[in-house]
Amino acid sequence: HNLVRNAQEALEGREGGVIDIATQLCTSPGGHGQVEVTVTDNGPGIDAAALPDIFEPYMTTKKKGTGLGLAIVKKLVEEHGGSVAASNVPGGGARMSACFPVTGPG
């Protein structure tokens, strides 16, 4: 929810804003199955100087907000054995990806 809300906020007041939500099955470097959920927007992207710290608590580039949203996302994803990453899209926009391990039944 937070990733989609952030994308919506990045597009406020912009003509032709697009949010793409995608999932795919992939393999981790260790050969284990993973599901990747990606939220991509065509907004202004993330300031390059802020990108390395974007998941740190109280880190924000917004005029209002606590800076806790992405820190909470990271914590929840990691509690489920996953990882999260942020990047800028060439040509404009931001991409947030969360990867979760696939476990079998039982």
PDB file of N, CA and C in Angstrom:
ATOM      1  N   HIS A   1       0.825  -1.183   0.000  1.00  0.00           N
ATOM      2  CA  HIS A   1       0.000   0.000   0.000  1.00  0.00           C
ATOM      3  C   HIS A   1       0.879   1.259   0.000  1.00  0.00           C
ATOM      4  N   ASN A   2       1.904   1.264   0.821  1.00  0.00           N
ATOM      5  CA  ASN A   2       2.773   2.439   0.914  1.00  0.00           C
ATOM      6  C   ASN A   2       3.478   2.705  -0.407  1.00  0.00           C
ATOM      7  N   LEU A   3       3.916   1.669  -1.092  1.00  0.00           N
ATOM      8  CA  LEU A   3       4.621   1.870  -2.360  1.00  0.00           C
ATOM      9  C   LEU A   3       3.700   2.484  -3.409  1.00  0.00           C
ATOM     10  N   VAL A   4       2.463   2.042  -3.453  1.00  0.00           N
ATOM     11  CA  VAL A   4       1.500   2.600  -4.412  1.00  0.00           C
ATOM     12  C   VAL A   4       1.153   4.031  -4.024  1.00  0.00           C
ATOM     13  N   ARG A   5       0.955   4.273  -2.740  1.00  0.00           N
ATOM     14  CA  ARG A   5       0.640   5.633  -2.279  1.00  0.00           C
ATOM     15  C   ARG A   5       1.785   6.594  -2.606  1.00  0.00           C
ATOM     16  N   ASN A   6       3.024   6.174  -2.405  1.00  0.00           N
ATOM     17  CA  ASN A   6       4.162   7.029  -2.748  1.00  0.00           C
ATOM     18  C   ASN A   6       4.187   7.350  -4.241  1.00  0.00           C
ATOM     19  N   ALA A   7       3.881   6.360  -5.062  1.00  0.00           N
ATOM     20  CA  ALA A   7       3.839   6.586  -6.504  1.00  0.00           C
ATOM     21  C   ALA A   7       2.732   7.578  -6.857  1.00  0.00           C
ATOM     22  N   GLN A   8       1.574   7.440  -6.222  1.00  0.00           N
ATOM     23  CA  GLN A   8       0.476   8.379  -6.457  1.00  0.00           C
ATOM     24  C   GLN A   8       0.887   9.801  -6.086  1.00  0.00           C
ATOM     25  N   GLU A   9       1.529   9.952  -4.947  1.00  0.00           N
ATOM     26  CA  GLU A   9       1.955  11.276  -4.500  1.00  0.00           C
ATOM     27  C   GLU A   9       3.001  11.870  -5.443  1.00  0.00           C
ATOM     28  N   ALA A  10       3.866  11.046  -5.984  1.00  0.00           N
ATOM     29  CA  ALA A  10       4.888  11.529  -6.915  1.00  0.00           C
ATOM     30  C   ALA A  10       4.261  12.053  -8.203  1.00  0.00           C
ATOM     31  N   LEU A  11       3.074  11.557  -8.527  1.00  0.00           N
ATOM     32  CA  LEU A  11       2.415  11.943  -9.778  1.00  0.00           C
ATOM     33  C   LEU A  11       1.402  13.071  -9.622  1.00  0.00           C
ATOM     34  N   GLU A  12       1.166  13.521  -8.396  1.00  0.00           N
ATOM     35  CA  GLU A  12       0.171  14.574  -8.169  1.00  0.00           C
ATOM     36  C   GLU A  12       0.491  15.811  -9.004  1.00  0.00           C
ATOM     37  N   GLY A  13      -0.526  16.275  -9.724  1.00  0.00           N
ATOM     38  CA  GLY A  13      -0.384  17.479 -10.531  1.00  0.00           C
ATOM     39  C   GLY A  13       0.324  17.268 -11.858  1.00  0.00           C
ATOM     40  N   ARG A  14       0.653  16.035 -12.192  1.00  0.00           N
ATOM     41  CA  ARG A  14       1.348  15.745 -13.454  1.00  0.00           C
ATOM     42  C   ARG A  14       0.357  15.177 -14.468  1.00  0.00           C
ATOM     43  N   GLU A  15       0.468  15.647 -15.688  1.00  0.00           N
ATOM     44  CA  GLU A  15      -0.338  15.097 -16.782  1.00  0.00           C
ATOM     45  C   GLU A  15       0.254  13.756 -17.215  1.00  0.00           C
ATOM     46  N   GLY A  16      -0.590  12.801 -17.531  1.00  0.00           N
ATOM     47  CA  GLY A  16      -0.139  11.526 -18.079  1.00  0.00           C
ATOM     48  C   GLY A  16       0.587  10.633 -17.088  1.00  0.00           C
ATOM     49  N   GLY A  17       0.278  10.778 -15.809  1.00  0.00           N
ATOM     50  CA  GLY A  17       0.924   9.936 -14.805  1.00  0.00           C
ATOM     51  C   GLY A  17       0.490   8.485 -14.937  1.00  0.00           C
ATOM     52  N   VAL A  18       1.456   7.580 -14.800  1.00  0.00           N
ATOM     53  CA  VAL A  18       1.189   6.145 -14.920  1.00  0.00           C
ATOM     54  C   VAL A  18       1.874   5.419 -13.764  1.00  0.00           C
ATOM     55  N   ILE A  19       1.139   4.505 -13.151  1.00  0.00           N
ATOM     56  CA  ILE A  19       1.704   3.597 -12.158  1.00  0.00           C
ATOM     57  C   ILE A  19       1.548   2.188 -12.700  1.00  0.00           C
ATOM     58  N   ASP A  20       2.651   1.469 -12.758  1.00  0.00           N
ATOM     59  CA  ASP A  20       2.643   0.089 -13.237  1.00  0.00           C
ATOM     60  C   ASP A  20       2.973  -0.820 -12.062  1.00  0.00           C
ATOM     61  N   ILE A  21       2.106  -1.786 -11.796  1.00  0.00           N
ATOM     62  CA  ILE A  21       2.332  -2.772 -10.750  1.00  0.00           C
ATOM     63  C   ILE A  21       2.474  -4.119 -11.437  1.00  0.00           C
ATOM     64  N   ALA A  22       3.611  -4.771 -11.206  1.00  0.00           N
ATOM     65  CA  ALA A  22       3.880  -6.031 -11.887  1.00  0.00           C
ATOM     66  C   ALA A  22       4.407  -7.060 -10.900  1.00  0.00           C
ATOM     67  N   THR A  23       4.159  -8.313 -11.213  1.00  0.00           N
ATOM     68  CA  THR A  23       4.729  -9.417 -10.446  1.00  0.00           C
ATOM     69  C   THR A  23       5.411 -10.362 -11.415  1.00  0.00           C
ATOM     70  N   GLN A  24       6.430 -11.027 -10.905  1.00  0.00           N
ATOM     71  CA  GLN A  24       7.074 -12.055 -11.725  1.00  0.00           C
ATOM     72  C   GLN A  24       7.722 -13.084 -10.817  1.00  0.00           C
ATOM     73  N   LEU A  25       7.832 -14.285 -11.321  1.00  0.00           N
ATOM     74  CA  LEU A  25       8.538 -15.343 -10.632  1.00  0.00           C
ATOM     75  C   LEU A  25       9.973 -15.293 -11.115  1.00  0.00           C
ATOM     76  N   CYS A  26      10.927 -15.289 -10.204  1.00  0.00           N
ATOM     77  CA  CYS A  26      12.331 -15.223 -10.594  1.00  0.00           C
ATOM     78  C   CYS A  26      13.146 -16.130  -9.676  1.00  0.00           C
ATOM     79  N   THR A  27      14.424 -16.196  -9.914  1.00  0.00           N
ATOM     80  CA  THR A  27      15.322 -17.030  -9.135  1.00  0.00           C
ATOM     81  C   THR A  27      16.353 -16.161  -8.446  1.00  0.00           C
ATOM     82  N   SER A  28      16.570 -16.411  -7.164  1.00  0.00           N
ATOM     83  CA  SER A  28      17.572 -15.661  -6.416  1.00  0.00           C
ATOM     84  C   SER A  28      18.965 -16.113  -6.848  1.00  0.00           C
ATOM     85  N   PRO A  29      20.002 -15.341  -6.506  1.00  0.00           N
ATOM     86  CA  PRO A  29      21.368 -15.763  -6.839  1.00  0.00           C
ATOM     87  C   PRO A  29      21.710 -17.147  -6.282  1.00  0.00           C
ATOM     88  N   GLY A  30      21.056 -17.558  -5.196  1.00  0.00           N
ATOM     89  CA  GLY A  30      21.288 -18.881  -4.621  1.00  0.00           C
ATOM     90  C   GLY A  30      20.480 -19.984  -5.286  1.00  0.00           C
ATOM     91  N   GLY A  31      19.694 -19.639  -6.301  1.00  0.00           N
ATOM     92  CA  GLY A  31      18.915 -20.628  -7.030  1.00  0.00           C
ATOM     93  C   GLY A  31      17.540 -20.918  -6.469  1.00  0.00           C
ATOM     94  N   HIS A  32      17.096 -20.127  -5.493  1.00  0.00           N
ATOM     95  CA  HIS A  32      15.787 -20.336  -4.880  1.00  0.00           C
ATOM     96  C   HIS A  32      14.727 -19.501  -5.600  1.00  0.00           C
ATOM     97  N   GLY A  33      13.503 -20.033  -5.635  1.00  0.00           N
ATOM     98  CA  GLY A  33      12.406 -19.309  -6.265  1.00  0.00           C
ATOM     99  C   GLY A  33      12.007 -18.085  -5.467  1.00  0.00           C
ATOM    100  N   GLN A  34      11.695 -17.013  -6.181  1.00  0.00           N
ATOM    101  CA  GLN A  34      11.244 -15.776  -5.556  1.00  0.00           C
ATOM    102  C   GLN A  34      10.108 -15.179  -6.366  1.00  0.00           C
ATOM    103  N   VAL A  35       9.264 -14.429  -5.678  1.00  0.00           N
ATOM    104  CA  VAL A  35       8.248 -13.617  -6.332  1.00  0.00           C
ATOM    105  C   VAL A  35       8.681 -12.171  -6.159  1.00  0.00           C
ATOM    106  N   GLU A  36       8.718 -11.438  -7.267  1.00  0.00           N
ATOM    107  CA  GLU A  36       9.076 -10.025  -7.222  1.00  0.00           C
ATOM    108  C   GLU A  36       7.842  -9.191  -7.524  1.00  0.00           C
ATOM    109  N   VAL A  37       7.575  -8.222  -6.665  1.00  0.00           N
ATOM    110  CA  VAL A  37       6.492  -7.262  -6.860  1.00  0.00           C
ATOM    111  C   VAL A  37       7.152  -5.914  -7.122  1.00  0.00           C
ATOM    112  N   THR A  38       6.804  -5.298  -8.254  1.00  0.00           N
ATOM    113  CA  THR A  38       7.429  -4.038  -8.640  1.00  0.00           C
ATOM    114  C   THR A  38       6.370  -2.974  -8.850  1.00  0.00           C
ATOM    115  N   VAL A  39       6.625  -1.791  -8.275  1.00  0.00           N
ATOM    116  CA  VAL A  39       5.765  -0.621  -8.479  1.00  0.00           C
ATOM    117  C   VAL A  39       6.628   0.433  -9.158  1.00  0.00           C
ATOM    118  N   THR A  40       6.222   0.828 -10.362  1.00  0.00           N
ATOM    119  CA  THR A  40       6.980   1.796 -11.154  1.00  0.00           C
ATOM    120  C   THR A  40       6.073   2.958 -11.519  1.00  0.00           C
ATOM    121  N   ASP A  41       6.604   4.186 -11.410  1.00  0.00           N
ATOM    122  CA  ASP A  41       5.840   5.357 -11.834  1.00  0.00           C
ATOM    123  C   ASP A  41       6.675   6.170 -12.820  1.00  0.00           C
ATOM    124  N   ASN A  42       6.024   7.101 -13.484  1.00  0.00           N
ATOM    125  CA  ASN A  42       6.734   7.973 -14.427  1.00  0.00           C
ATOM    126  C   ASN A  42       6.814   9.406 -13.893  1.00  0.00           C
ATOM    127  N   GLY A  43       6.956   9.518 -12.576  1.00  0.00           N
ATOM    128  CA  GLY A  43       7.099  10.814 -11.927  1.00  0.00           C
ATOM    129  C   GLY A  43       8.515  11.343 -12.022  1.00  0.00           C
ATOM    130  N   PRO A  44       8.892  12.201 -11.093  1.00  0.00           N
ATOM    131  CA  PRO A  44      10.205  12.844 -11.145  1.00  0.00           C
ATOM    132  C   PRO A  44      11.361  11.945 -10.713  1.00  0.00           C
ATOM    133  N   GLY A  45      11.074  10.788 -10.147  1.00  0.00           N
ATOM    134  CA  GLY A  45      12.133   9.921  -9.652  1.00  0.00           C
ATOM    135  C   GLY A  45      12.563  10.330  -8.255  1.00  0.00           C
ATOM    136  N   ILE A  46      13.602   9.676  -7.769  1.00  0.00           N
ATOM    137  CA  ILE A  46      14.123   9.908  -6.428  1.00  0.00           C
ATOM    138  C   ILE A  46      15.446  10.642  -6.564  1.00  0.00           C
ATOM    139  N   ASP A  47      15.614  11.676  -5.765  1.00  0.00           N
ATOM    140  CA  ASP A  47      16.866  12.427  -5.779  1.00  0.00           C
ATOM    141  C   ASP A  47      18.027  11.443  -5.604  1.00  0.00           C
ATOM    142  N   ALA A  48      19.006  11.500  -6.492  1.00  0.00           N
ATOM    143  CA  ALA A  48      20.120  10.552  -6.478  1.00  0.00           C
ATOM    144  C   ALA A  48      20.870  10.567  -5.150  1.00  0.00           C
ATOM    145  N   ALA A  49      20.980  11.721  -4.515  1.00  0.00           N
ATOM    146  CA  ALA A  49      21.677  11.819  -3.232  1.00  0.00           C
ATOM    147  C   ALA A  49      20.903  11.110  -2.120  1.00  0.00           C
ATOM    148  N   ALA A  50      19.586  11.037  -2.247  1.00  0.00           N
ATOM    149  CA  ALA A  50      18.748  10.414  -1.226  1.00  0.00           C
ATOM    150  C   ALA A  50      18.602   8.904  -1.432  1.00  0.00           C
ATOM    151  N   LEU A  51      18.828   8.433  -2.628  1.00  0.00           N
ATOM    152  CA  LEU A  51      18.561   7.034  -2.973  1.00  0.00           C
ATOM    153  C   LEU A  51      19.233   6.016  -2.038  1.00  0.00           C
ATOM    154  N   PRO A  52      20.506   6.185  -1.664  1.00  0.00           N
ATOM    155  CA  PRO A  52      21.125   5.168  -0.792  1.00  0.00           C
ATOM    156  C   PRO A  52      20.481   5.060   0.589  1.00  0.00           C
ATOM    157  N   ASP A  53      19.827   6.116   1.049  1.00  0.00           N
ATOM    158  CA  ASP A  53      19.252   6.125   2.397  1.00  0.00           C
ATOM    159  C   ASP A  53      17.730   6.085   2.403  1.00  0.00           C
ATOM    160  N   ILE A  54      17.116   5.803   1.283  1.00  0.00           N
ATOM    161  CA  ILE A  54      15.673   5.952   1.136  1.00  0.00           C
ATOM    162  C   ILE A  54      14.862   5.066   2.098  1.00  0.00           C
ATOM    163  N   PHE A  55      15.439   3.955   2.564  1.00  0.00           N
ATOM    164  CA  PHE A  55      14.720   3.055   3.471  1.00  0.00           C
ATOM    165  C   PHE A  55      15.081   3.279   4.941  1.00  0.00           C
ATOM    166  N   GLU A  56      15.868   4.305   5.236  1.00  0.00           N
ATOM    167  CA  GLU A  56      16.250   4.605   6.619  1.00  0.00           C
ATOM    168  C   GLU A  56      15.107   5.348   7.333  1.00  0.00           C
ATOM    169  N   PRO A  57      14.916   5.058   8.634  1.00  0.00           N
ATOM    170  CA  PRO A  57      13.867   5.754   9.380  1.00  0.00           C
ATOM    171  C   PRO A  57      14.093   7.265   9.374  1.00  0.00           C
ATOM    172  N   TYR A  58      13.017   7.987   9.280  1.00  0.00           N
ATOM    173  CA  TYR A  58      12.956   9.450   9.303  1.00  0.00           C
ATOM    174  C   TYR A  58      13.574  10.099   8.068  1.00  0.00           C
ATOM    175  N   MET A  59      13.908   9.328   7.080  1.00  0.00           N
ATOM    176  CA  MET A  59      14.445   9.873   5.829  1.00  0.00           C
ATOM    177  C   MET A  59      13.255  10.214   4.927  1.00  0.00           C
ATOM    178  N   THR A  60      13.154  11.457   4.534  1.00  0.00           N
ATOM    179  CA  THR A  60      12.076  11.860   3.632  1.00  0.00           C
ATOM    180  C   THR A  60      12.550  12.980   2.731  1.00  0.00           C
ATOM    181  N   THR A  61      11.987  13.026   1.547  1.00  0.00           N
ATOM    182  CA  THR A  61      12.231  14.128   0.619  1.00  0.00           C
ATOM    183  C   THR A  61      10.948  14.942   0.445  1.00  0.00           C
ATOM    184  N   LYS A  62       9.911  14.565   1.188  1.00  0.00           N
ATOM    185  CA  LYS A  62       8.614  15.235   1.078  1.00  0.00           C
ATOM    186  C   LYS A  62       8.530  16.406   2.046  1.00  0.00           C
ATOM    187  N   LYS A  63       7.661  17.361   1.717  1.00  0.00           N
ATOM    188  CA  LYS A  63       7.452  18.510   2.596  1.00  0.00           C
ATOM    189  C   LYS A  63       6.717  18.111   3.866  1.00  0.00           C
ATOM    190  N   LYS A  64       5.849  17.101   3.760  1.00  0.00           N
ATOM    191  CA  LYS A  64       5.165  16.613   4.942  1.00  0.00           C
ATOM    192  C   LYS A  64       5.296  15.099   4.982  1.00  0.00           C
ATOM    193  N   GLY A  65       5.195  14.557   6.167  1.00  0.00           N
ATOM    194  CA  GLY A  65       5.360  13.121   6.347  1.00  0.00           C
ATOM    195  C   GLY A  65       6.431  12.849   7.379  1.00  0.00           C
ATOM    196  N   THR A  66       6.435  11.622   7.870  1.00  0.00           N
ATOM    197  CA  THR A  66       7.351  11.276   8.955  1.00  0.00           C
ATOM    198  C   THR A  66       8.652  10.654   8.480  1.00  0.00           C
ATOM    199  N   GLY A  67       8.674  10.168   7.256  1.00  0.00           N
ATOM    200  CA  GLY A  67       9.859   9.460   6.795  1.00  0.00           C
ATOM    201  C   GLY A  67       9.919   8.035   7.318  1.00  0.00           C
ATOM    202  N   LEU A  68       8.796   7.508   7.753  1.00  0.00           N
ATOM    203  CA  LEU A  68       8.773   6.143   8.284  1.00  0.00           C
ATOM    204  C   LEU A  68       8.186   5.126   7.313  1.00  0.00           C
ATOM    205  N   GLY A  69       7.477   5.578   6.291  1.00  0.00           N
ATOM    206  CA  GLY A  69       6.781   4.657   5.386  1.00  0.00           C
ATOM    207  C   GLY A  69       7.675   3.612   4.755  1.00  0.00           C
ATOM    208  N   LEU A  70       8.756   4.032   4.116  1.00  0.00           N
ATOM    209  CA  LEU A  70       9.632   3.067   3.440  1.00  0.00           C
ATOM    210  C   LEU A  70      10.449   2.249   4.432  1.00  0.00           C
ATOM    211  N   ALA A  71      10.740   2.813   5.606  1.00  0.00           N
ATOM    212  CA  ALA A  71      11.426   2.036   6.639  1.00  0.00           C
ATOM    213  C   ALA A  71      10.528   0.891   7.113  1.00  0.00           C
ATOM    214  N   ILE A  72       9.235   1.167   7.233  1.00  0.00           N
ATOM    215  CA  ILE A  72       8.279   0.134   7.636  1.00  0.00           C
ATOM    216  C   ILE A  72       8.142  -0.909   6.529  1.00  0.00           C
ATOM    217  N   VAL A  73       8.082  -0.465   5.280  1.00  0.00           N
ATOM    218  CA  VAL A  73       8.029  -1.403   4.150  1.00  0.00           C
ATOM    219  C   VAL A  73       9.220  -2.355   4.222  1.00  0.00           C
ATOM    220  N   LYS A  74      10.413  -1.791   4.385  1.00  0.00           N
ATOM    221  CA  LYS A  74      11.626  -2.618   4.442  1.00  0.00           C
ATOM    222  C   LYS A  74      11.541  -3.621   5.580  1.00  0.00           C
ATOM    223  N   LYS A  75      11.128  -3.182   6.764  1.00  0.00           N
ATOM    224  CA  LYS A  75      11.031  -4.065   7.922  1.00  0.00           C
ATOM    225  C   LYS A  75      10.045  -5.204   7.669  1.00  0.00           C
ATOM    226  N   LEU A  76       8.876  -4.888   7.123  1.00  0.00           N
ATOM    227  CA  LEU A  76       7.875  -5.925   6.857  1.00  0.00           C
ATOM    228  C   LEU A  76       8.354  -6.925   5.812  1.00  0.00           C
ATOM    229  N   VAL A  77       8.961  -6.432   4.754  1.00  0.00           N
ATOM    230  CA  VAL A  77       9.466  -7.321   3.701  1.00  0.00           C
ATOM    231  C   VAL A  77      10.545  -8.239   4.280  1.00  0.00           C
ATOM    232  N   GLU A  78      11.471  -7.680   5.053  1.00  0.00           N
ATOM    233  CA  GLU A  78      12.541  -8.483   5.638  1.00  0.00           C
ATOM    234  C   GLU A  78      12.004  -9.495   6.640  1.00  0.00           C
ATOM    235  N   GLU A  79      10.944  -9.144   7.371  1.00  0.00           N
ATOM    236  CA  GLU A  79      10.340 -10.095   8.304  1.00  0.00           C
ATOM    237  C   GLU A  79       9.735 -11.297   7.587  1.00  0.00           C
ATOM    238  N   HIS A  80       9.436 -11.144   6.304  1.00  0.00           N
ATOM    239  CA  HIS A  80       8.922 -12.250   5.492  1.00  0.00           C
ATOM    240  C   HIS A  80      10.029 -12.894   4.667  1.00  0.00           C
ATOM    241  N   GLY A  81      11.281 -12.617   5.022  1.00  0.00           N
ATOM    242  CA  GLY A  81      12.417 -13.255   4.353  1.00  0.00           C
ATOM    243  C   GLY A  81      12.787 -12.637   3.025  1.00  0.00           C
ATOM    244  N   GLY A  82      12.274 -11.454   2.741  1.00  0.00           N
ATOM    245  CA  GLY A  82      12.502 -10.818   1.448  1.00  0.00           C
ATOM    246  C   GLY A  82      13.466  -9.656   1.512  1.00  0.00           C
ATOM    247  N   SER A  83      13.547  -8.971   0.384  1.00  0.00           N
ATOM    248  CA  SER A  83      14.389  -7.782   0.273  1.00  0.00           C
ATOM    249  C   SER A  83      13.657  -6.751  -0.572  1.00  0.00           C
ATOM    250  N   VAL A  84      14.057  -5.501  -0.404  1.00  0.00           N
ATOM    251  CA  VAL A  84      13.417  -4.415  -1.134  1.00  0.00           C
ATOM    252  C   VAL A  84      14.502  -3.508  -1.693  1.00  0.00           C
ATOM    253  N   ALA A  85      14.228  -2.928  -2.849  1.00  0.00           N
ATOM    254  CA  ALA A  85      15.198  -2.040  -3.492  1.00  0.00           C
ATOM    255  C   ALA A  85      14.466  -0.903  -4.182  1.00  0.00           C
ATOM    256  N   ALA A  86      15.168   0.216  -4.334  1.00  0.00           N
ATOM    257  CA  ALA A  86      14.622   1.386  -5.025  1.00  0.00           C
ATOM    258  C   ALA A  86      15.609   1.821  -6.087  1.00  0.00           C
ATOM    259  N   SER A  87      15.075   2.290  -7.207  1.00  0.00           N
ATOM    260  CA  SER A  87      15.936   2.806  -8.274  1.00  0.00           C
ATOM    261  C   SER A  87      15.162   3.826  -9.085  1.00  0.00           C
ATOM    262  N   ASN A  88      15.892   4.590  -9.865  1.00  0.00           N
ATOM    263  CA  ASN A  88      15.274   5.517 -10.802  1.00  0.00           C
ATOM    264  C   ASN A  88      15.173   4.847 -12.155  1.00  0.00           C
ATOM    265  N   VAL A  89      14.146   5.222 -12.889  1.00  0.00           N
ATOM    266  CA  VAL A  89      13.899   4.673 -14.213  1.00  0.00           C
ATOM    267  C   VAL A  89      14.537   5.609 -15.240  1.00  0.00           C
ATOM    268  N   PRO A  90      15.307   5.078 -16.160  1.00  0.00           N
ATOM    269  CA  PRO A  90      15.853   5.950 -17.205  1.00  0.00           C
ATOM    270  C   PRO A  90      14.728   6.699 -17.923  1.00  0.00           C
ATOM    271  N   GLY A  91      14.883   7.977 -18.091  1.00  0.00           N
ATOM    272  CA  GLY A  91      13.856   8.782 -18.735  1.00  0.00           C
ATOM    273  C   GLY A  91      12.864   9.391 -17.757  1.00  0.00           C
ATOM    274  N   GLY A  92      12.950   9.024 -16.477  1.00  0.00           N
ATOM    275  CA  GLY A  92      12.079   9.605 -15.459  1.00  0.00           C
ATOM    276  C   GLY A  92      11.219   8.591 -14.765  1.00  0.00           C
ATOM    277  N   GLY A  93      11.098   8.742 -13.485  1.00  0.00           N
ATOM    278  CA  GLY A  93      10.269   7.852 -12.694  1.00  0.00           C
ATOM    279  C   GLY A  93      11.085   7.090 -11.669  1.00  0.00           C
ATOM    280  N   ALA A  94      10.371   6.357 -10.836  1.00  0.00           N
ATOM    281  CA  ALA A  94      10.997   5.564  -9.785  1.00  0.00           C
ATOM    282  C   ALA A  94      10.450   4.144  -9.843  1.00  0.00           C
ATOM    283  N   ARG A  95      11.255   3.217  -9.363  1.00  0.00           N
ATOM    284  CA  ARG A  95      10.848   1.804  -9.308  1.00  0.00           C
ATOM    285  C   ARG A  95      11.198   1.259  -7.924  1.00  0.00           C
ATOM    286  N   MET A  96      10.215   0.651  -7.292  1.00  0.00           N
ATOM    287  CA  MET A  96      10.406  -0.028  -6.015  1.00  0.00           C
ATOM    288  C   MET A  96      10.116  -1.507  -6.253  1.00  0.00           C
ATOM    289  N   SER A  97      11.045  -2.343  -5.829  1.00  0.00           N
ATOM    290  CA  SER A  97      10.898  -3.784  -6.019  1.00  0.00           C
ATOM    291  C   SER A  97      11.028  -4.507  -4.692  1.00  0.00           C
ATOM    292  N   ALA A  98      10.095  -5.397  -4.422  1.00  0.00           N
ATOM    293  CA  ALA A  98      10.140  -6.245  -3.239  1.00  0.00           C
ATOM    294  C   ALA A  98      10.183  -7.691  -3.704  1.00  0.00           C
ATOM    295  N   CYS A  99      11.175  -8.427  -3.222  1.00  0.00           N
ATOM    296  CA  CYS A  99      11.316  -9.845  -3.578  1.00  0.00           C
ATOM    297  C   CYS A  99      11.049 -10.691  -2.347  1.00  0.00           C
ATOM    298  N   PHE A 100      10.223 -11.716  -2.522  1.00  0.00           N
ATOM    299  CA  PHE A 100       9.850 -12.610  -1.434  1.00  0.00           C
ATOM    300  C   PHE A 100      10.191 -14.042  -1.820  1.00  0.00           C
ATOM    301  N   PRO A 101      10.707 -14.831  -0.874  1.00  0.00           N
ATOM    302  CA  PRO A 101      10.992 -16.227  -1.183  1.00  0.00           C
ATOM    303  C   PRO A 101       9.709 -17.013  -1.400  1.00  0.00           C
ATOM    304  N   VAL A 102       9.779 -17.974  -2.289  1.00  0.00           N
ATOM    305  CA  VAL A 102       8.659 -18.864  -2.544  1.00  0.00           C
ATOM    306  C   VAL A 102       8.886 -20.109  -1.697  1.00  0.00           C
ATOM    307  N   THR A 103       7.898 -20.454  -0.917  1.00  0.00           N
ATOM    308  CA  THR A 103       7.991 -21.669  -0.105  1.00  0.00           C
ATOM    309  C   THR A 103       6.933 -22.635  -0.553  1.00  0.00           C
ATOM    310  N   GLY A 104       7.245 -23.898  -0.428  1.00  0.00           N
ATOM    311  CA  GLY A 104       6.302 -24.930  -0.822  1.00  0.00           C
ATOM    312  C   GLY A 104       5.234 -25.127   0.230  1.00  0.00           C
ATOM    313  N   PRO A 105       4.234 -25.923  -0.090  1.00  0.00           N
ATOM    314  CA  PRO A 105       3.165 -26.188   0.862  1.00  0.00           C
ATOM    315  C   PRO A 105       3.711 -26.931   2.089  1.00  0.00           C
ATOM    316  N   GLY A 106       3.066 -26.645   3.222  1.00  0.00           N
ATOM    317  CA  GLY A 106       3.408 -27.394   4.420  1.00  0.00           C
ATOM    318  C   GLY A 106       4.316 -26.640   5.268  1.00  0.00           C
TER     319      GLY A 106
END
